[in-house]
Amino acid sequence: MEPNDALRSIESRLRLIIREVLGESWMADLPEKSQQRLRAWRDNDAASRPGTVPSDDLLDFTMTAELADLILANYEKFEPVFKDRAMFEALFGVIAGIRNTVAHSRELVPFERDLFSGVAGRINNQVAQYRGSRGVGGRYYPRIERLLDGAGRNLLTMPRIGTGLLSLGRYDIGESLVLRASSTPTRNRALRWDLQVYSRRSYPFPDRMKLAAEGNDVEFEVTLSEDLVGEQVGGHVTLMSDSRYHRDQHGDDSFHFDFAINPPMDED
C-alpha cells in the first residue's frame, strides 16, 4: 500500500469505528480548544471551496493524534476492536513517527513504507473483524462505507426524494461525473468495484457506460455524453470481493442513484 493510501486508510477506518462505537457523543472527550479548531477548519474549508459541498461532519477534520486520543480516552469501549491496549499504543507510536513525513510528501525509506503499510493493514483487519462480528453476514461480505461525488457530498447520507430515489441533480454534456468509494476488506479478500451509468429511456439500457476499479479506496470519472441526455439517467455502483462467494447474485453491496443530463442550449 502506498504511504498516502495507507494514511488515508488509517484515518478513514478510525473515523468509521469512532462514529460506530461512540455515536454522536464522540466530541465529549475533546478539549474545547480542539472543538473550536475543528469548527474553524470546517468553516474555512467551506469558504475556500466555492462550487463544492464540503463535509459538515467535524469528525472528517480530526487529525490522527486526536483520533488516537479519542480511542484511548474510551478504551474500554474500543477494547473489543483493538484488543491489547499496549499494542494499540505501540502502533500509534509508529503512525505518529511517520505521519507528518507522509502528509508533507517527503519520501520514506523502504522499511518505513513497509511498516506503515503493515500498520494500516492491521487496523483495517481489526475494524473489519469487529464490524463483521456485529452484523449478519458482515464478517463475510464487504459493505460500501463511503461514497462521495465530485462536490464532496456523501451519497450514503444524502436525503432521498418521495419515491425513495436519490437524485444528484443536473449535469451538462461533457461534464464529468466523479465518484470516490471506500470499503474495508473482509477475510483479506481484494475488492472489486463497478460503476454503470445509463439512460433509463428504454430497457435494456443500450447506452450503458461501464467502468471497473480495484482497491479499498477507488475513484471513478465518467465524461457524460449526449447519448445519455434526459431526465432519467441512472448510476449504479457495485462492490464485491474476489471470493467465489457473494452476498447475492449481484455481488456483496450496491448503491443506486439518478440524475439528469441537460440537452445543448444551441440545439438546431
C-alpha atoms as a PDB file:
ATOM      1  CA  MET A   1       0.000   0.000   0.000  1.00  0.00           C
ATOM      2  CA  GLU A   2       1.385   3.409  -0.976  1.00  0.00           C
ATOM      3  CA  PRO A   3       2.077   5.745   2.015  1.00  0.00           C
ATOM      4  CA  ASN A   4      -0.642   8.263   1.099  1.00  0.00           C
ATOM      5  CA  ASP A   5      -3.140   5.446   0.649  1.00  0.00           C
ATOM      6  CA  ALA A   6      -2.061   3.929   3.977  1.00  0.00           C
ATOM      7  CA  LEU A   7      -2.535   7.233   5.816  1.00  0.00           C
ATOM      8  CA  ARG A   8      -5.951   7.804   4.247  1.00  0.00           C
ATOM      9  CA  SER A   9      -6.923   4.232   5.099  1.00  0.00           C
ATOM     10  CA  ILE A  10      -5.836   4.539   8.748  1.00  0.00           C
ATOM     11  CA  GLU A  11      -7.676   7.804   9.334  1.00  0.00           C
ATOM     12  CA  SER A  12     -10.851   6.827   7.469  1.00  0.00           C
ATOM     13  CA  ARG A  13     -11.140   3.472   9.292  1.00  0.00           C
ATOM     14  CA  LEU A  14     -10.575   5.102  12.679  1.00  0.00           C
ATOM     15  CA  ARG A  15     -13.224   7.734  11.973  1.00  0.00           C
ATOM     16  CA  LEU A  16     -15.589   4.989  10.888  1.00  0.00           C
ATOM     17  CA  ILE A  17     -15.144   2.952  14.071  1.00  0.00           C
ATOM     18  CA  ILE A  18     -15.252   6.026  16.338  1.00  0.00           C
ATOM     19  CA  ARG A  19     -18.576   7.023  14.807  1.00  0.00           C
ATOM     20  CA  GLU A  20     -19.871   3.478  15.194  1.00  0.00           C
ATOM     21  CA  VAL A  21     -18.730   2.948  18.801  1.00  0.00           C
ATOM     22  CA  LEU A  22     -19.222   6.428  20.298  1.00  0.00           C
ATOM     23  CA  GLY A  23     -22.052   7.719  18.110  1.00  0.00           C
ATOM     24  CA  GLU A  24     -22.836  11.423  18.193  1.00  0.00           C
ATOM     25  CA  SER A  25     -21.204  11.797  21.622  1.00  0.00           C
ATOM     26  CA  TRP A  26     -17.697  11.365  20.176  1.00  0.00           C
ATOM     27  CA  MET A  27     -16.765  15.039  20.798  1.00  0.00           C
ATOM     28  CA  ALA A  28     -17.411  14.842  24.538  1.00  0.00           C
ATOM     29  CA  ASP A  29     -13.810  13.864  25.313  1.00  0.00           C
ATOM     30  CA  LEU A  30     -12.181  16.507  23.132  1.00  0.00           C
ATOM     31  CA  PRO A  31     -10.945  19.691  24.849  1.00  0.00           C
ATOM     32  CA  GLU A  32     -12.907  22.811  23.960  1.00  0.00           C
ATOM     33  CA  LYS A  33      -9.851  24.193  22.177  1.00  0.00           C
ATOM     34  CA  SER A  34      -9.823  21.178  19.848  1.00  0.00           C
ATOM     35  CA  GLN A  35     -13.551  21.503  19.222  1.00  0.00           C
ATOM     36  CA  GLN A  36     -13.115  25.161  18.282  1.00  0.00           C
ATOM     37  CA  ARG A  37     -10.297  24.255  15.902  1.00  0.00           C
ATOM     38  CA  LEU A  38     -12.455  21.648  14.173  1.00  0.00           C
ATOM     39  CA  ARG A  39     -15.282  24.140  13.685  1.00  0.00           C
ATOM     40  CA  ALA A  40     -12.838  26.744  12.352  1.00  0.00           C
ATOM     41  CA  TRP A  41     -11.309  24.260   9.885  1.00  0.00           C
ATOM     42  CA  ARG A  42     -14.769  23.211   8.700  1.00  0.00           C
ATOM     43  CA  ASP A  43     -15.839  26.831   8.170  1.00  0.00           C
ATOM     44  CA  ASN A  44     -12.576  27.739   6.411  1.00  0.00           C
ATOM     45  CA  ASP A  45     -12.884  24.691   4.163  1.00  0.00           C
ATOM     46  CA  ALA A  46     -16.407  25.696   3.141  1.00  0.00           C
ATOM     47  CA  ALA A  47     -15.376  29.318   2.494  1.00  0.00           C
ATOM     48  CA  SER A  48     -12.317  28.434   0.410  1.00  0.00           C
ATOM     49  CA  ARG A  49     -14.001  25.919  -1.918  1.00  0.00           C
ATOM     50  CA  PRO A  50     -16.668  27.690  -3.983  1.00  0.00           C
ATOM     51  CA  GLY A  51     -18.733  25.359  -6.124  1.00  0.00           C
ATOM     52  CA  THR A  52     -18.376  22.415  -3.754  1.00  0.00           C
ATOM     53  CA  VAL A  53     -20.397  20.996  -0.884  1.00  0.00           C
ATOM     54  CA  PRO A  54     -17.706  20.357   1.759  1.00  0.00           C
ATOM     55  CA  SER A  55     -18.309  17.963   4.602  1.00  0.00           C
ATOM     56  CA  ASP A  56     -20.208  19.330   7.573  1.00  0.00           C
ATOM     57  CA  ASP A  57     -19.077  16.403   9.726  1.00  0.00           C
ATOM     58  CA  LEU A  58     -16.486  17.654  12.235  1.00  0.00           C
ATOM     59  CA  LEU A  59     -15.080  14.147  12.553  1.00  0.00           C
ATOM     60  CA  ASP A  60     -13.770  14.498   8.978  1.00  0.00           C
ATOM     61  CA  PHE A  61     -11.463  17.288  10.189  1.00  0.00           C
ATOM     62  CA  THR A  62      -9.829  15.388  13.045  1.00  0.00           C
ATOM     63  CA  MET A  63      -6.125  14.596  12.840  1.00  0.00           C
ATOM     64  CA  THR A  64      -4.503  11.252  13.600  1.00  0.00           C
ATOM     65  CA  ALA A  65      -3.424  12.246  17.121  1.00  0.00           C
ATOM     66  CA  GLU A  66      -6.951  13.343  18.011  1.00  0.00           C
ATOM     67  CA  LEU A  67      -8.375  10.079  16.729  1.00  0.00           C
ATOM     68  CA  ALA A  68      -5.925   8.156  18.902  1.00  0.00           C
ATOM     69  CA  ASP A  69      -6.749  10.311  21.926  1.00  0.00           C
ATOM     70  CA  LEU A  70     -10.477   9.669  21.470  1.00  0.00           C
ATOM     71  CA  ILE A  71      -9.928   5.935  21.343  1.00  0.00           C
ATOM     72  CA  LEU A  72      -7.556   5.868  24.339  1.00  0.00           C
ATOM     73  CA  ALA A  73      -9.929   8.031  26.420  1.00  0.00           C
ATOM     74  CA  ASN A  74     -12.656   5.448  25.844  1.00  0.00           C
ATOM     75  CA  TYR A  75     -10.548   2.329  25.514  1.00  0.00           C
ATOM     76  CA  GLU A  76     -12.923   0.078  27.421  1.00  0.00           C
ATOM     77  CA  LYS A  77     -15.415   0.632  24.593  1.00  0.00           C
ATOM     78  CA  PHE A  78     -12.794   0.019  21.902  1.00  0.00           C
ATOM     79  CA  GLU A  79     -11.161  -2.997  23.547  1.00  0.00           C
ATOM     80  CA  PRO A  80     -13.355  -5.413  21.522  1.00  0.00           C
ATOM     81  CA  VAL A  81     -11.986  -3.773  18.358  1.00  0.00           C
ATOM     82  CA  PHE A  82      -8.263  -3.413  19.059  1.00  0.00           C
ATOM     83  CA  LYS A  83      -7.820  -5.906  21.942  1.00  0.00           C
ATOM     84  CA  ASP A  84      -4.415  -5.208  23.545  1.00  0.00           C
ATOM     85  CA  ARG A  85      -4.113  -1.549  24.605  1.00  0.00           C
ATOM     86  CA  ALA A  86      -0.319  -1.669  24.778  1.00  0.00           C
ATOM     87  CA  MET A  87      -0.179  -2.935  21.198  1.00  0.00           C
ATOM     88  CA  PHE A  88      -2.566  -0.200  20.049  1.00  0.00           C
ATOM     89  CA  GLU A  89      -0.361   2.445  21.675  1.00  0.00           C
ATOM     90  CA  ALA A  90       2.707   0.907  20.030  1.00  0.00           C
ATOM     91  CA  LEU A  91       1.038   1.002  16.615  1.00  0.00           C
ATOM     92  CA  PHE A  92       0.189   4.650  17.096  1.00  0.00           C
ATOM     93  CA  GLY A  93       3.745   5.342  18.086  1.00  0.00           C
ATOM     94  CA  VAL A  94       4.701   4.085  14.610  1.00  0.00           C
ATOM     95  CA  ILE A  95       1.994   6.186  12.966  1.00  0.00           C
ATOM     96  CA  ALA A  96       2.957   9.338  14.881  1.00  0.00           C
ATOM     97  CA  GLY A  97       6.596   8.913  13.885  1.00  0.00           C
ATOM     98  CA  ILE A  98       5.800   8.647  10.160  1.00  0.00           C
ATOM     99  CA  ARG A  99       2.559  10.554   9.591  1.00  0.00           C
ATOM    100  CA  ASN A 100       3.979  14.049   9.102  1.00  0.00           C
ATOM    101  CA  THR A 101       6.577  12.779   6.657  1.00  0.00           C
ATOM    102  CA  VAL A 102       3.790  11.268   4.551  1.00  0.00           C
ATOM    103  CA  ALA A 103       1.421  14.239   4.937  1.00  0.00           C
ATOM    104  CA  HIS A 104       4.111  16.646   3.687  1.00  0.00           C
ATOM    105  CA  SER A 105       5.007  14.428   0.705  1.00  0.00           C
ATOM    106  CA  ARG A 106       8.509  13.573   1.903  1.00  0.00           C
ATOM    107  CA  GLU A 107       9.957  10.244   0.888  1.00  0.00           C
ATOM    108  CA  LEU A 108      10.015   7.244   3.221  1.00  0.00           C
ATOM    109  CA  VAL A 109      12.795   4.693   3.219  1.00  0.00           C
ATOM    110  CA  PRO A 110      11.732   1.136   2.279  1.00  0.00           C
ATOM    111  CA  PHE A 111      11.374  -0.227   5.824  1.00  0.00           C
ATOM    112  CA  GLU A 112       9.214   2.771   6.807  1.00  0.00           C
ATOM    113  CA  ARG A 113       6.935   2.172   3.819  1.00  0.00           C
ATOM    114  CA  ASP A 114       6.560  -1.486   4.746  1.00  0.00           C
ATOM    115  CA  LEU A 115       5.946  -0.671   8.406  1.00  0.00           C
ATOM    116  CA  PHE A 116       3.339   1.995   7.642  1.00  0.00           C
ATOM    117  CA  SER A 117       1.547  -0.263   5.179  1.00  0.00           C
ATOM    118  CA  GLY A 118       1.542  -3.090   7.732  1.00  0.00           C
ATOM    119  CA  VAL A 119       0.007  -0.886  10.430  1.00  0.00           C
ATOM    120  CA  ALA A 120      -2.702   0.249   8.010  1.00  0.00           C
ATOM    121  CA  GLY A 121      -3.453  -3.351   7.086  1.00  0.00           C
ATOM    122  CA  ARG A 122      -3.694  -4.432  10.716  1.00  0.00           C
ATOM    123  CA  ILE A 123      -6.086  -1.597  11.609  1.00  0.00           C
ATOM    124  CA  ASN A 124      -8.207  -2.349   8.534  1.00  0.00           C
ATOM    125  CA  ASN A 125      -8.488  -6.000   9.533  1.00  0.00           C
ATOM    126  CA  GLN A 126      -9.301  -5.247  13.159  1.00  0.00           C
ATOM    127  CA  VAL A 127     -12.059  -2.814  12.198  1.00  0.00           C
ATOM    128  CA  ALA A 128     -13.446  -5.227   9.607  1.00  0.00           C
ATOM    129  CA  GLN A 129     -13.458  -8.153  12.028  1.00  0.00           C
ATOM    130  CA  TYR A 130     -15.225  -6.161  14.721  1.00  0.00           C
ATOM    131  CA  ARG A 131     -17.854  -4.783  12.373  1.00  0.00           C
ATOM    132  CA  GLY A 132     -18.350  -8.199  10.820  1.00  0.00           C
ATOM    133  CA  SER A 133     -18.954  -9.789  14.205  1.00  0.00           C
ATOM    134  CA  ARG A 134     -21.809  -7.359  14.897  1.00  0.00           C
ATOM    135  CA  GLY A 135     -23.809  -7.647  11.682  1.00  0.00           C
ATOM    136  CA  VAL A 136     -25.451 -10.549   9.902  1.00  0.00           C
ATOM    137  CA  GLY A 137     -23.100 -11.594   7.115  1.00  0.00           C
ATOM    138  CA  GLY A 138     -20.788  -8.694   7.862  1.00  0.00           C
ATOM    139  CA  ARG A 139     -17.770 -10.854   8.612  1.00  0.00           C
ATOM    140  CA  TYR A 140     -18.045 -12.489   5.178  1.00  0.00           C
ATOM    141  CA  TYR A 141     -19.102  -9.727   2.782  1.00  0.00           C
ATOM    142  CA  PRO A 142     -17.811  -6.140   2.412  1.00  0.00           C
ATOM    143  CA  ARG A 143     -20.058  -3.086   2.517  1.00  0.00           C
ATOM    144  CA  ILE A 144     -19.790   0.278   0.755  1.00  0.00           C
ATOM    145  CA  GLU A 145     -18.712   2.516   3.637  1.00  0.00           C
ATOM    146  CA  ARG A 146     -18.236   5.857   1.889  1.00  0.00           C
ATOM    147  CA  LEU A 147     -19.362   7.197  -1.479  1.00  0.00           C
ATOM    148  CA  LEU A 148     -18.558  10.830  -2.362  1.00  0.00           C
ATOM    149  CA  ASP A 149     -19.374  12.738  -5.522  1.00  0.00           C
ATOM    150  CA  GLY A 150     -17.186  15.412  -7.116  1.00  0.00           C
ATOM    151  CA  ALA A 151     -18.706  18.135  -4.928  1.00  0.00           C
ATOM    152  CA  GLY A 152     -17.736  16.267  -1.766  1.00  0.00           C
ATOM    153  CA  ARG A 153     -21.274  15.122  -0.913  1.00  0.00           C
ATOM    154  CA  ASN A 154     -21.624  11.742   0.796  1.00  0.00           C
ATOM    155  CA  LEU A 155     -24.240   9.887  -1.246  1.00  0.00           C
ATOM    156  CA  LEU A 156     -24.872   7.423   1.578  1.00  0.00           C
ATOM    157  CA  THR A 157     -26.260  10.164   3.822  1.00  0.00           C
ATOM    158  CA  MET A 158     -27.970  12.420   1.252  1.00  0.00           C
ATOM    159  CA  PRO A 159     -31.764  12.779   1.582  1.00  0.00           C
ATOM    160  CA  ARG A 160     -33.937  10.957  -0.928  1.00  0.00           C
ATOM    161  CA  ILE A 161     -36.990  12.247  -2.745  1.00  0.00           C
ATOM    162  CA  GLY A 162     -40.501  10.973  -2.113  1.00  0.00           C
ATOM    163  CA  THR A 163     -40.160   7.959  -4.421  1.00  0.00           C
ATOM    164  CA  GLY A 164     -37.122   6.757  -2.490  1.00  0.00           C
ATOM    165  CA  LEU A 165     -34.670   7.650  -5.268  1.00  0.00           C
ATOM    166  CA  LEU A 166     -31.503   9.643  -4.701  1.00  0.00           C
ATOM    167  CA  SER A 167     -31.023  12.461  -7.210  1.00  0.00           C
ATOM    168  CA  LEU A 168     -27.615  14.064  -7.779  1.00  0.00           C
ATOM    169  CA  GLY A 169     -29.175  16.961  -9.688  1.00  0.00           C
ATOM    170  CA  ARG A 170     -28.353  18.155 -13.200  1.00  0.00           C
ATOM    171  CA  TYR A 171     -25.250  17.860 -15.381  1.00  0.00           C
ATOM    172  CA  ASP A 172     -24.267  19.139 -18.840  1.00  0.00           C
ATOM    173  CA  ILE A 173     -22.941  17.166 -21.800  1.00  0.00           C
ATOM    174  CA  GLY A 174     -19.174  16.780 -21.474  1.00  0.00           C
ATOM    175  CA  GLU A 175     -19.223  17.342 -17.725  1.00  0.00           C
ATOM    176  CA  SER A 176     -17.525  14.737 -15.548  1.00  0.00           C
ATOM    177  CA  LEU A 177     -19.316  12.597 -13.008  1.00  0.00           C
ATOM    178  CA  VAL A 178     -16.753  11.850 -10.290  1.00  0.00           C
ATOM    179  CA  LEU A 179     -17.276   9.293  -7.511  1.00  0.00           C
ATOM    180  CA  ARG A 180     -14.892   8.229  -4.735  1.00  0.00           C
ATOM    181  CA  ALA A 181     -15.749   4.997  -2.945  1.00  0.00           C
ATOM    182  CA  SER A 182     -14.297   3.212   0.095  1.00  0.00           C
ATOM    183  CA  SER A 183     -14.733  -0.113   1.843  1.00  0.00           C
ATOM    184  CA  THR A 184     -12.885  -2.361   4.300  1.00  0.00           C
ATOM    185  CA  PRO A 185     -11.939  -5.838   3.046  1.00  0.00           C
ATOM    186  CA  THR A 186     -13.302  -8.908   4.807  1.00  0.00           C
ATOM    187  CA  ARG A 187     -11.235 -12.081   5.237  1.00  0.00           C
ATOM    188  CA  ASN A 188      -8.303 -10.332   3.498  1.00  0.00           C
ATOM    189  CA  ARG A 189     -10.066 -10.532   0.141  1.00  0.00           C
ATOM    190  CA  ALA A 190      -9.272  -7.974  -2.566  1.00  0.00           C
ATOM    191  CA  LEU A 191     -12.128  -5.623  -3.511  1.00  0.00           C
ATOM    192  CA  ARG A 192     -13.539  -5.029  -6.984  1.00  0.00           C
ATOM    193  CA  TRP A 193     -15.862  -2.170  -7.961  1.00  0.00           C
ATOM    194  CA  ASP A 194     -18.077  -1.489 -10.976  1.00  0.00           C
ATOM    195  CA  LEU A 195     -19.816   1.724 -11.988  1.00  0.00           C
ATOM    196  CA  GLN A 196     -22.540   1.706 -14.626  1.00  0.00           C
ATOM    197  CA  VAL A 197     -24.169   4.861 -15.991  1.00  0.00           C
ATOM    198  CA  TYR A 198     -27.130   4.531 -18.368  1.00  0.00           C
ATOM    199  CA  SER A 199     -30.235   6.200 -19.745  1.00  0.00           C
ATOM    200  CA  ARG A 200     -33.453   4.693 -18.441  1.00  0.00           C
ATOM    201  CA  ARG A 201     -35.433   5.778 -21.508  1.00  0.00           C
ATOM    202  CA  SER A 202     -35.580   2.218 -22.802  1.00  0.00           C
ATOM    203  CA  TYR A 203     -34.788  -1.242 -21.456  1.00  0.00           C
ATOM    204  CA  PRO A 204     -32.278  -2.987 -21.626  1.00  0.00           C
ATOM    205  CA  PHE A 205     -30.357   0.295 -21.483  1.00  0.00           C
ATOM    206  CA  PRO A 206     -28.276   0.042 -24.689  1.00  0.00           C
ATOM    207  CA  ASP A 207     -26.277   3.220 -23.972  1.00  0.00           C
ATOM    208  CA  ARG A 208     -24.730   1.834 -20.818  1.00  0.00           C
ATOM    209  CA  MET A 209     -21.248   3.049 -19.793  1.00  0.00           C
ATOM    210  CA  LYS A 210     -19.194   0.697 -17.625  1.00  0.00           C
ATOM    211  CA  LEU A 211     -16.057   1.275 -15.540  1.00  0.00           C
ATOM    212  CA  ALA A 212     -14.184  -1.021 -13.167  1.00  0.00           C
ATOM    213  CA  ALA A 213     -11.646  -0.454 -10.392  1.00  0.00           C
ATOM    214  CA  GLU A 214      -9.879  -2.439  -7.686  1.00  0.00           C
ATOM    215  CA  GLY A 215      -8.835  -1.486  -4.152  1.00  0.00           C
ATOM    216  CA  ASN A 216     -10.121  -0.331  -0.776  1.00  0.00           C
ATOM    217  CA  ASP A 217     -10.383   3.313  -1.910  1.00  0.00           C
ATOM    218  CA  VAL A 218     -11.159   3.968  -5.576  1.00  0.00           C
ATOM    219  CA  GLU A 219     -12.163   6.867  -7.835  1.00  0.00           C
ATOM    220  CA  PHE A 220     -14.330   6.844 -10.953  1.00  0.00           C
ATOM    221  CA  GLU A 221     -14.605   9.622 -13.522  1.00  0.00           C
ATOM    222  CA  VAL A 222     -17.138   9.454 -16.360  1.00  0.00           C
ATOM    223  CA  THR A 223     -17.443  12.045 -19.126  1.00  0.00           C
ATOM    224  CA  LEU A 224     -21.167  12.348 -19.789  1.00  0.00           C
ATOM    225  CA  SER A 225     -22.112  12.026 -23.462  1.00  0.00           C
ATOM    226  CA  GLU A 226     -25.101  13.306 -25.413  1.00  0.00           C
ATOM    227  CA  ASP A 227     -26.330   9.722 -25.862  1.00  0.00           C
ATOM    228  CA  LEU A 228     -27.415   9.873 -22.215  1.00  0.00           C
ATOM    229  CA  VAL A 229     -29.318  13.194 -22.374  1.00  0.00           C
ATOM    230  CA  GLY A 230     -32.574  13.017 -20.454  1.00  0.00           C
ATOM    231  CA  GLU A 231     -34.312  13.341 -17.121  1.00  0.00           C
ATOM    232  CA  GLN A 232     -33.844   9.694 -16.153  1.00  0.00           C
ATOM    233  CA  VAL A 233     -30.159   8.834 -16.099  1.00  0.00           C
ATOM    234  CA  GLY A 234     -29.235   6.060 -13.708  1.00  0.00           C
ATOM    235  CA  GLY A 235     -25.984   5.247 -11.929  1.00  0.00           C
ATOM    236  CA  HIS A 236     -25.188   2.003 -10.170  1.00  0.00           C
ATOM    237  CA  VAL A 237     -22.123   1.177  -8.046  1.00  0.00           C
ATOM    238  CA  THR A 238     -21.441  -2.475  -7.242  1.00  0.00           C
ATOM    239  CA  LEU A 239     -18.883  -3.844  -4.776  1.00  0.00           C
ATOM    240  CA  MET A 240     -17.666  -7.419  -4.491  1.00  0.00           C
ATOM    241  CA  SER A 241     -14.654  -9.241  -3.131  1.00  0.00           C
ATOM    242  CA  ASP A 242     -12.565 -11.657  -5.191  1.00  0.00           C
ATOM    243  CA  SER A 243     -14.085 -14.572  -3.260  1.00  0.00           C
ATOM    244  CA  ARG A 244     -16.065 -17.296  -5.026  1.00  0.00           C
ATOM    245  CA  TYR A 245     -18.949 -16.453  -2.706  1.00  0.00           C
ATOM    246  CA  HIS A 246     -21.055 -13.300  -2.577  1.00  0.00           C
ATOM    247  CA  ARG A 247     -23.957 -11.880  -0.600  1.00  0.00           C
ATOM    248  CA  ASP A 248     -26.352 -12.288  -3.552  1.00  0.00           C
ATOM    249  CA  GLN A 249     -26.387 -12.743  -7.326  1.00  0.00           C
ATOM    250  CA  HIS A 250     -25.380  -9.110  -7.910  1.00  0.00           C
ATOM    251  CA  GLY A 251     -22.335  -9.006  -5.623  1.00  0.00           C
ATOM    252  CA  ASP A 252     -21.723  -8.013  -1.995  1.00  0.00           C
ATOM    253  CA  ASP A 253     -23.151  -4.489  -1.886  1.00  0.00           C
ATOM    254  CA  SER A 254     -24.511  -1.885  -4.296  1.00  0.00           C
ATOM    255  CA  PHE A 255     -25.842   1.659  -4.456  1.00  0.00           C
ATOM    256  CA  HIS A 256     -28.152   3.292  -6.999  1.00  0.00           C
ATOM    257  CA  PHE A 257     -28.712   6.953  -7.818  1.00  0.00           C
ATOM    258  CA  ASP A 258     -30.354   9.065 -10.523  1.00  0.00           C
ATOM    259  CA  PHE A 259     -29.546  12.383 -12.171  1.00  0.00           C
ATOM    260  CA  ALA A 260     -30.394  14.406 -15.285  1.00  0.00           C
ATOM    261  CA  ILE A 261     -28.266  15.475 -18.252  1.00  0.00           C
ATOM    262  CA  ASN A 262     -29.280  18.721 -19.975  1.00  0.00           C
ATOM    263  CA  PRO A 263     -29.654  18.935 -23.783  1.00  0.00           C
ATOM    264  CA  PRO A 264     -27.381  21.500 -25.511  1.00  0.00           C
ATOM    265  CA  MET A 265     -28.640  25.069 -25.421  1.00  0.00           C
ATOM    266  CA  ASP A 266     -27.712  25.631 -29.096  1.00  0.00           C
ATOM    267  CA  GLU A 267     -29.673  22.637 -30.430  1.00  0.00           C
ATOM    268  CA  ASP A 268     -30.703  23.046 -34.108  1.00  0.00           C
END
